[in-house]
């Protein structure tokens, strides 16, 4: 009966050795795949409603309101 357990032990040990060898030799392909599969996803960019500046033109951008209001009055 102990030979049966020994055979199972040898079979599992050989599987672990083969998997370990594959990971060592192919780690340049395996590690990025594991990171993509189980790693944390990048957060989605905020929608315009979630942003502080809905125009999304930058923090230090100055708006010339006189020109903007003049062009809006011409449209009406």
PDB file of N, CA and C in Angstrom:
ATOM      1  N   UNK A   1       0.827  -1.206   0.000  1.00  0.00           N
ATOM      2  CA  UNK A   1       0.000   0.000   0.000  1.00  0.00           C
ATOM      3  C   UNK A   1       0.861   1.255   0.000  1.00  0.00           C
ATOM      4  N   UNK A   2       1.984   1.212   0.676  1.00  0.00           N
ATOM      5  CA  UNK A   2       2.840   2.403   0.693  1.00  0.00           C
ATOM      6  C   UNK A   2       3.422   2.693  -0.680  1.00  0.00           C
ATOM      7  N   UNK A   3       3.505   1.685  -1.545  1.00  0.00           N
ATOM      8  CA  UNK A   3       4.007   1.907  -2.903  1.00  0.00           C
ATOM      9  C   UNK A   3       3.014   2.766  -3.686  1.00  0.00           C
ATOM     10  N   UNK A   4       1.742   2.588  -3.441  1.00  0.00           N
ATOM     11  CA  UNK A   4       0.732   3.410  -4.108  1.00  0.00           C
ATOM     12  C   UNK A   4       0.891   4.876  -3.711  1.00  0.00           C
ATOM     13  N   UNK A   5       1.068   5.151  -2.424  1.00  0.00           N
ATOM     14  CA  UNK A   5       1.289   6.526  -1.975  1.00  0.00           C
ATOM     15  C   UNK A   5       2.582   7.084  -2.555  1.00  0.00           C
ATOM     16  N   UNK A   6       3.582   6.242  -2.609  1.00  0.00           N
ATOM     17  CA  UNK A   6       4.856   6.664  -3.172  1.00  0.00           C
ATOM     18  C   UNK A   6       4.704   7.013  -4.655  1.00  0.00           C
ATOM     19  N   UNK A   7       3.932   6.237  -5.387  1.00  0.00           N
ATOM     20  CA  UNK A   7       3.699   6.536  -6.808  1.00  0.00           C
ATOM     21  C   UNK A   7       2.964   7.870  -6.972  1.00  0.00           C
ATOM     22  N   UNK A   8       1.966   8.130  -6.148  1.00  0.00           N
ATOM     23  CA  UNK A   8       1.258   9.413  -6.199  1.00  0.00           C
ATOM     24  C   UNK A   8       2.206  10.563  -5.865  1.00  0.00           C
ATOM     25  N   UNK A   9       3.049  10.358  -4.874  1.00  0.00           N
ATOM     26  CA  UNK A   9       4.003  11.397  -4.486  1.00  0.00           C
ATOM     27  C   UNK A   9       4.966  11.698  -5.631  1.00  0.00           C
ATOM     28  N   UNK A  10       5.478  10.667  -6.274  1.00  0.00           N
ATOM     29  CA  UNK A  10       6.405  10.861  -7.396  1.00  0.00           C
ATOM     30  C   UNK A  10       5.697  11.551  -8.564  1.00  0.00           C
ATOM     31  N   UNK A  11       4.455  11.188  -8.839  1.00  0.00           N
ATOM     32  CA  UNK A  11       3.705  11.806  -9.935  1.00  0.00           C
ATOM     33  C   UNK A  11       3.490  13.300  -9.658  1.00  0.00           C
ATOM     34  N   UNK A  12       3.058  13.634  -8.450  1.00  0.00           N
ATOM     35  CA  UNK A  12       2.849  15.047  -8.112  1.00  0.00           C
ATOM     36  C   UNK A  12       4.163  15.820  -8.105  1.00  0.00           C
ATOM     37  N   UNK A  13       5.209  15.216  -7.588  1.00  0.00           N
ATOM     38  CA  UNK A  13       6.512  15.871  -7.576  1.00  0.00           C
ATOM     39  C   UNK A  13       6.989  16.163  -8.992  1.00  0.00           C
ATOM     40  N   UNK A  14       6.804  15.220  -9.895  1.00  0.00           N
ATOM     41  CA  UNK A  14       7.232  15.446 -11.279  1.00  0.00           C
ATOM     42  C   UNK A  14       6.408  16.546 -11.951  1.00  0.00           C
ATOM     43  N   UNK A  15       5.116  16.609 -11.642  1.00  0.00           N
ATOM     44  CA  UNK A  15       4.284  17.687 -12.203  1.00  0.00           C
ATOM     45  C   UNK A  15       4.764  19.041 -11.692  1.00  0.00           C
ATOM     46  N   UNK A  16       5.040  19.150 -10.398  1.00  0.00           N
ATOM     47  CA  UNK A  16       5.530  20.412  -9.842  1.00  0.00           C
ATOM     48  C   UNK A  16       6.884  20.792 -10.434  1.00  0.00           C
ATOM     49  N   UNK A  17       7.739  19.827 -10.660  1.00  0.00           N
ATOM     50  CA  UNK A  17       9.049  20.121 -11.257  1.00  0.00           C
ATOM     51  C   UNK A  17       8.887  20.611 -12.688  1.00  0.00           C
ATOM     52  N   UNK A  18       7.997  19.990 -13.470  1.00  0.00           N
ATOM     53  CA  UNK A  18       7.767  20.437 -14.846  1.00  0.00           C
ATOM     54  C   UNK A  18       7.170  21.846 -14.885  1.00  0.00           C
ATOM     55  N   UNK A  19       6.221  22.108 -14.027  1.00  0.00           N
ATOM     56  CA  UNK A  19       5.615  23.453 -13.987  1.00  0.00           C
ATOM     57  C   UNK A  19       6.646  24.484 -13.555  1.00  0.00           C
ATOM     58  N   UNK A  20       7.442  24.165 -12.558  1.00  0.00           N
ATOM     59  CA  UNK A  20       8.482  25.089 -12.102  1.00  0.00           C
ATOM     60  C   UNK A  20       9.515  25.360 -13.173  1.00  0.00           C
ATOM     61  N   UNK A  21       9.906  24.327 -13.899  1.00  0.00           N
ATOM     62  CA  UNK A  21      10.873  24.496 -14.985  1.00  0.00           C
ATOM     63  C   UNK A  21      10.294  25.376 -16.085  1.00  0.00           C
ATOM     64  N   UNK A  22       9.030  25.173 -16.427  1.00  0.00           N
ATOM     65  CA  UNK A  22       8.395  25.993 -17.462  1.00  0.00           C
ATOM     66  C   UNK A  22       8.341  27.455 -17.035  1.00  0.00           C
ATOM     67  N   UNK A  23       7.987  27.706 -15.777  1.00  0.00           N
ATOM     68  CA  UNK A  23       7.898  29.084 -15.295  1.00  0.00           C
ATOM     69  C   UNK A  23       9.266  29.750 -15.295  1.00  0.00           C
ATOM     70  N   UNK A  24      10.301  29.019 -14.897  1.00  0.00           N
ATOM     71  CA  UNK A  24      11.645  29.601 -14.877  1.00  0.00           C
ATOM     72  C   UNK A  24      12.116  29.950 -16.283  1.00  0.00           C
ATOM     73  N   UNK A  25      11.897  29.063 -17.248  1.00  0.00           N
ATOM     74  CA  UNK A  25      12.389  29.310 -18.588  1.00  0.00           C
ATOM     75  C   UNK A  25      11.508  30.273 -19.377  1.00  0.00           C
ATOM     76  N   UNK A  26      10.241  30.369 -19.053  1.00  0.00           N
ATOM     77  CA  UNK A  26       9.318  31.235 -19.793  1.00  0.00           C
ATOM     78  C   UNK A  26       8.826  32.409 -18.945  1.00  0.00           C
ATOM     79  N   UNK A  27       9.574  32.813 -17.928  1.00  0.00           N
ATOM     80  CA  UNK A  27       9.085  33.842 -17.011  1.00  0.00           C
ATOM     81  C   UNK A  27       8.881  35.189 -17.692  1.00  0.00           C
ATOM     82  N   UNK A  28       9.611  35.465 -18.801  1.00  0.00           N
ATOM     83  CA  UNK A  28       9.399  36.725 -19.514  1.00  0.00           C
ATOM     84  C   UNK A  28       8.011  36.789 -20.135  1.00  0.00           C
ATOM     85  N   UNK A  29       7.417  35.638 -20.414  1.00  0.00           N
ATOM     86  CA  UNK A  29       6.060  35.603 -20.954  1.00  0.00           C
ATOM     87  C   UNK A  29       5.021  35.355 -19.868  1.00  0.00           C
ATOM     88  N   UNK A  30       5.384  34.590 -18.848  1.00  0.00           N
ATOM     89  CA  UNK A  30       4.421  34.185 -17.823  1.00  0.00           C
ATOM     90  C   UNK A  30       4.118  35.328 -16.858  1.00  0.00           C
ATOM     91  N   UNK A  31       5.130  36.068 -16.433  1.00  0.00           N
ATOM     92  CA  UNK A  31       4.920  37.122 -15.425  1.00  0.00           C
ATOM     93  C   UNK A  31       4.010  38.232 -15.952  1.00  0.00           C
ATOM     94  N   UNK A  32       4.213  38.774 -17.173  1.00  0.00           N
ATOM     95  CA  UNK A  32       3.252  39.774 -17.659  1.00  0.00           C
ATOM     96  C   UNK A  32       1.834  39.222 -17.815  1.00  0.00           C
ATOM     97  N   UNK A  33       1.725  37.942 -18.203  1.00  0.00           N
ATOM     98  CA  UNK A  33       0.398  37.346 -18.332  1.00  0.00           C
ATOM     99  C   UNK A  33      -0.284  37.269 -16.972  1.00  0.00           C
ATOM    100  N   UNK A  34       0.458  36.837 -15.942  1.00  0.00           N
ATOM    101  CA  UNK A  34      -0.121  36.765 -14.601  1.00  0.00           C
ATOM    102  C   UNK A  34      -0.492  38.145 -14.085  1.00  0.00           C
ATOM    103  N   UNK A  35       0.343  39.139 -14.375  1.00  0.00           N
ATOM    104  CA  UNK A  35       0.043  40.500 -13.940  1.00  0.00           C
ATOM    105  C   UNK A  35      -1.206  41.025 -14.626  1.00  0.00           C
ATOM    106  N   UNK A  36      -1.359  40.722 -15.915  1.00  0.00           N
ATOM    107  CA  UNK A  36      -2.545  41.149 -16.642  1.00  0.00           C
ATOM    108  C   UNK A  36      -3.785  40.401 -16.160  1.00  0.00           C
ATOM    109  N   UNK A  37      -3.608  39.128 -15.818  1.00  0.00           N
ATOM    110  CA  UNK A  37      -4.741  38.288 -15.423  1.00  0.00           C
ATOM    111  C   UNK A  37      -5.214  38.601 -14.017  1.00  0.00           C
ATOM    112  N   UNK A  38      -4.285  38.735 -13.079  1.00  0.00           N
ATOM    113  CA  UNK A  38      -4.659  38.864 -11.672  1.00  0.00           C
ATOM    114  C   UNK A  38      -4.282  40.210 -11.049  1.00  0.00           C
ATOM    115  N   UNK A  39      -3.606  41.075 -11.788  1.00  0.00           N
ATOM    116  CA  UNK A  39      -3.180  42.359 -11.234  1.00  0.00           C
ATOM    117  C   UNK A  39      -4.326  43.347 -11.135  1.00  0.00           C
ATOM    118  N   UNK A  40      -4.077  44.416 -10.425  1.00  0.00           N
ATOM    119  CA  UNK A  40      -5.081  45.458 -10.257  1.00  0.00           C
ATOM    120  C   UNK A  40      -5.228  46.243 -11.557  1.00  0.00           C
ATOM    121  N   UNK A  41      -6.464  46.487 -11.968  1.00  0.00           N
ATOM    122  CA  UNK A  41      -6.725  47.239 -13.187  1.00  0.00           C
ATOM    123  C   UNK A  41      -6.500  48.720 -12.948  1.00  0.00           C
ATOM    124  N   UNK A  42      -6.131  49.421 -14.024  1.00  0.00           N
ATOM    125  CA  UNK A  42      -5.993  50.867 -13.944  1.00  0.00           C
ATOM    126  C   UNK A  42      -7.382  51.482 -13.823  1.00  0.00           C
ATOM    127  N   UNK A  43      -7.519  52.553 -13.028  1.00  0.00           N
ATOM    128  CA  UNK A  43      -8.838  53.167 -12.895  1.00  0.00           C
ATOM    129  C   UNK A  43      -9.250  53.864 -14.190  1.00  0.00           C
ATOM    130  N   UNK A  44     -10.542  53.922 -14.402  1.00  0.00           N
ATOM    131  CA  UNK A  44     -11.063  54.604 -15.581  1.00  0.00           C
ATOM    132  C   UNK A  44     -10.849  56.098 -15.428  1.00  0.00           C
ATOM    133  N   UNK A  45     -10.592  56.817 -16.525  1.00  0.00           N
ATOM    134  CA  UNK A  45     -10.458  58.266 -16.413  1.00  0.00           C
ATOM    135  C   UNK A  45     -11.803  58.878 -16.030  1.00  0.00           C
ATOM    136  N   UNK A  46     -11.793  59.993 -15.303  1.00  0.00           N
ATOM    137  CA  UNK A  46     -13.061  60.582 -14.876  1.00  0.00           C
ATOM    138  C   UNK A  46     -13.856  61.128 -16.057  1.00  0.00           C
ATOM    139  N   UNK A  47     -15.159  61.055 -15.932  1.00  0.00           N
ATOM    140  CA  UNK A  47     -16.026  61.633 -16.959  1.00  0.00           C
ATOM    141  C   UNK A  47     -16.033  63.140 -16.794  1.00  0.00           C
ATOM    142  N   UNK A  48     -16.448  63.900 -17.806  1.00  0.00           N
ATOM    143  CA  UNK A  48     -16.458  65.359 -17.662  1.00  0.00           C
ATOM    144  C   UNK A  48     -17.286  65.849 -16.478  1.00  0.00           C
ATOM    145  N   UNK A  49     -18.327  65.122 -16.089  1.00  0.00           N
ATOM    146  CA  UNK A  49     -19.126  65.543 -14.941  1.00  0.00           C
ATOM    147  C   UNK A  49     -18.358  65.388 -13.630  1.00  0.00           C
ATOM    148  N   UNK A  50     -17.393  64.471 -13.578  1.00  0.00           N
ATOM    149  CA  UNK A  50     -16.624  64.240 -12.369  1.00  0.00           C
ATOM    150  C   UNK A  50     -15.425  65.173 -12.249  1.00  0.00           C
ATOM    151  N   UNK A  51     -15.053  65.853 -13.318  1.00  0.00           N
ATOM    152  CA  UNK A  51     -13.880  66.720 -13.290  1.00  0.00           C
ATOM    153  C   UNK A  51     -14.226  68.068 -12.685  1.00  0.00           C
ATOM    154  N   UNK A  52     -13.208  68.702 -12.108  1.00  0.00           N
ATOM    155  CA  UNK A  52     -13.400  70.052 -11.576  1.00  0.00           C
ATOM    156  C   UNK A  52     -13.601  71.055 -12.693  1.00  0.00           C
ATOM    157  N   UNK A  53     -12.901  70.868 -13.786  1.00  0.00           N
ATOM    158  CA  UNK A  53     -12.988  71.766 -14.918  1.00  0.00           C
ATOM    159  C   UNK A  53     -13.700  71.030 -16.057  1.00  0.00           C
ATOM    160  N   UNK A  54     -14.979  71.273 -16.285  1.00  0.00           N
ATOM    161  CA  UNK A  54     -15.718  70.503 -17.293  1.00  0.00           C
ATOM    162  C   UNK A  54     -15.218  70.722 -18.718  1.00  0.00           C
ATOM    163  N   UNK A  55     -14.526  71.844 -18.966  1.00  0.00           N
ATOM    164  CA  UNK A  55     -13.999  72.064 -20.310  1.00  0.00           C
ATOM    165  C   UNK A  55     -12.754  71.230 -20.564  1.00  0.00           C
ATOM    166  N   UNK A  56     -12.117  70.787 -19.497  1.00  0.00           N
ATOM    167  CA  UNK A  56     -10.927  69.944 -19.583  1.00  0.00           C
ATOM    168  C   UNK A  56      -9.834  70.609 -20.410  1.00  0.00           C
ATOM    169  N   UNK A  57      -9.568  71.889 -20.125  1.00  0.00           N
ATOM    170  CA  UNK A  57      -8.558  72.626 -20.884  1.00  0.00           C
ATOM    171  C   UNK A  57      -7.290  72.863 -20.086  1.00  0.00           C
ATOM    172  N   UNK A  58      -7.222  72.381 -18.863  1.00  0.00           N
ATOM    173  CA  UNK A  58      -6.001  72.529 -18.089  1.00  0.00           C
ATOM    174  C   UNK A  58      -6.223  73.415 -16.880  1.00  0.00           C
ATOM    175  N   UNK A  59      -5.307  73.327 -15.950  1.00  0.00           N
ATOM    176  CA  UNK A  59      -5.450  74.060 -14.692  1.00  0.00           C
ATOM    177  C   UNK A  59      -5.117  75.540 -14.836  1.00  0.00           C
ATOM    178  N   UNK A  60      -4.066  75.868 -15.588  1.00  0.00           N
ATOM    179  CA  UNK A  60      -3.573  77.249 -15.628  1.00  0.00           C
ATOM    180  C   UNK A  60      -4.034  78.005 -16.857  1.00  0.00           C
ATOM    181  N   UNK A  61      -5.026  77.545 -17.544  1.00  0.00           N
ATOM    182  CA  UNK A  61      -5.504  78.196 -18.755  1.00  0.00           C
ATOM    183  C   UNK A  61      -6.475  79.314 -18.375  1.00  0.00           C
ATOM    184  N   UNK A  62      -6.255  80.480 -18.953  1.00  0.00           N
ATOM    185  CA  UNK A  62      -7.126  81.636 -18.711  1.00  0.00           C
ATOM    186  C   UNK A  62      -8.140  81.746 -19.848  1.00  0.00           C
ATOM    187  N   UNK A  63      -9.375  82.025 -19.507  1.00  0.00           N
ATOM    188  CA  UNK A  63     -10.432  82.184 -20.498  1.00  0.00           C
ATOM    189  C   UNK A  63     -10.721  83.671 -20.645  1.00  0.00           C
ATOM    190  N   UNK A  64     -10.738  84.151 -21.867  1.00  0.00           N
ATOM    191  CA  UNK A  64     -11.068  85.546 -22.143  1.00  0.00           C
ATOM    192  C   UNK A  64     -12.591  85.641 -22.245  1.00  0.00           C
ATOM    193  N   UNK A  65     -13.217  86.025 -21.143  1.00  0.00           N
ATOM    194  CA  UNK A  65     -14.680  86.030 -21.095  1.00  0.00           C
ATOM    195  C   UNK A  65     -15.280  87.110 -21.982  1.00  0.00           C
ATOM    196  N   UNK A  66     -14.561  88.223 -22.195  1.00  0.00           N
ATOM    197  CA  UNK A  66     -15.093  89.286 -23.059  1.00  0.00           C
ATOM    198  C   UNK A  66     -15.250  88.775 -24.490  1.00  0.00           C
ATOM    199  N   UNK A  67     -14.249  88.093 -24.994  1.00  0.00           N
ATOM    200  CA  UNK A  67     -14.318  87.550 -26.349  1.00  0.00           C
ATOM    201  C   UNK A  67     -15.370  86.447 -26.432  1.00  0.00           C
ATOM    202  N   UNK A  68     -15.460  85.655 -25.397  1.00  0.00           N
ATOM    203  CA  UNK A  68     -16.427  84.566 -25.383  1.00  0.00           C
ATOM    204  C   UNK A  68     -17.851  85.116 -25.373  1.00  0.00           C
ATOM    205  N   UNK A  69     -18.095  86.107 -24.531  1.00  0.00           N
ATOM    206  CA  UNK A  69     -19.453  86.674 -24.471  1.00  0.00           C
ATOM    207  C   UNK A  69     -19.796  87.418 -25.764  1.00  0.00           C
ATOM    208  N   UNK A  70     -18.821  88.057 -26.390  1.00  0.00           N
ATOM    209  CA  UNK A  70     -19.073  88.754 -27.651  1.00  0.00           C
ATOM    210  C   UNK A  70     -19.430  87.766 -28.764  1.00  0.00           C
ATOM    211  N   UNK A  71     -18.737  86.643 -28.808  1.00  0.00           N
ATOM    212  CA  UNK A  71     -19.047  85.673 -29.850  1.00  0.00           C
ATOM    213  C   UNK A  71     -20.379  84.982 -29.598  1.00  0.00           C
ATOM    214  N   UNK A  72     -20.764  84.808 -28.340  1.00  0.00           N
ATOM    215  CA  UNK A  72     -22.072  84.210 -28.049  1.00  0.00           C
ATOM    216  C   UNK A  72     -23.199  85.170 -28.391  1.00  0.00           C
ATOM    217  N   UNK A  73     -23.000  86.462 -28.193  1.00  0.00           N
ATOM    218  CA  UNK A  73     -24.062  87.411 -28.515  1.00  0.00           C
ATOM    219  C   UNK A  73     -24.250  87.519 -30.027  1.00  0.00           C
ATOM    220  N   UNK A  74     -23.178  87.292 -30.808  1.00  0.00           N
ATOM    221  CA  UNK A  74     -23.298  87.328 -32.271  1.00  0.00           C
ATOM    222  C   UNK A  74     -24.112  86.139 -32.789  1.00  0.00           C
ATOM    223  N   UNK A  75     -24.053  85.012 -32.073  1.00  0.00           N
ATOM    224  CA  UNK A  75     -24.810  83.834 -32.498  1.00  0.00           C
ATOM    225  C   UNK A  75     -26.318  84.063 -32.348  1.00  0.00           C
ATOM    226  N   UNK A  76     -26.707  84.794 -31.338  1.00  0.00           N
ATOM    227  CA  UNK A  76     -28.134  85.012 -31.071  1.00  0.00           C
ATOM    228  C   UNK A  76     -28.645  86.024 -32.027  1.00  0.00           C
TER     229      UNK A  76
END
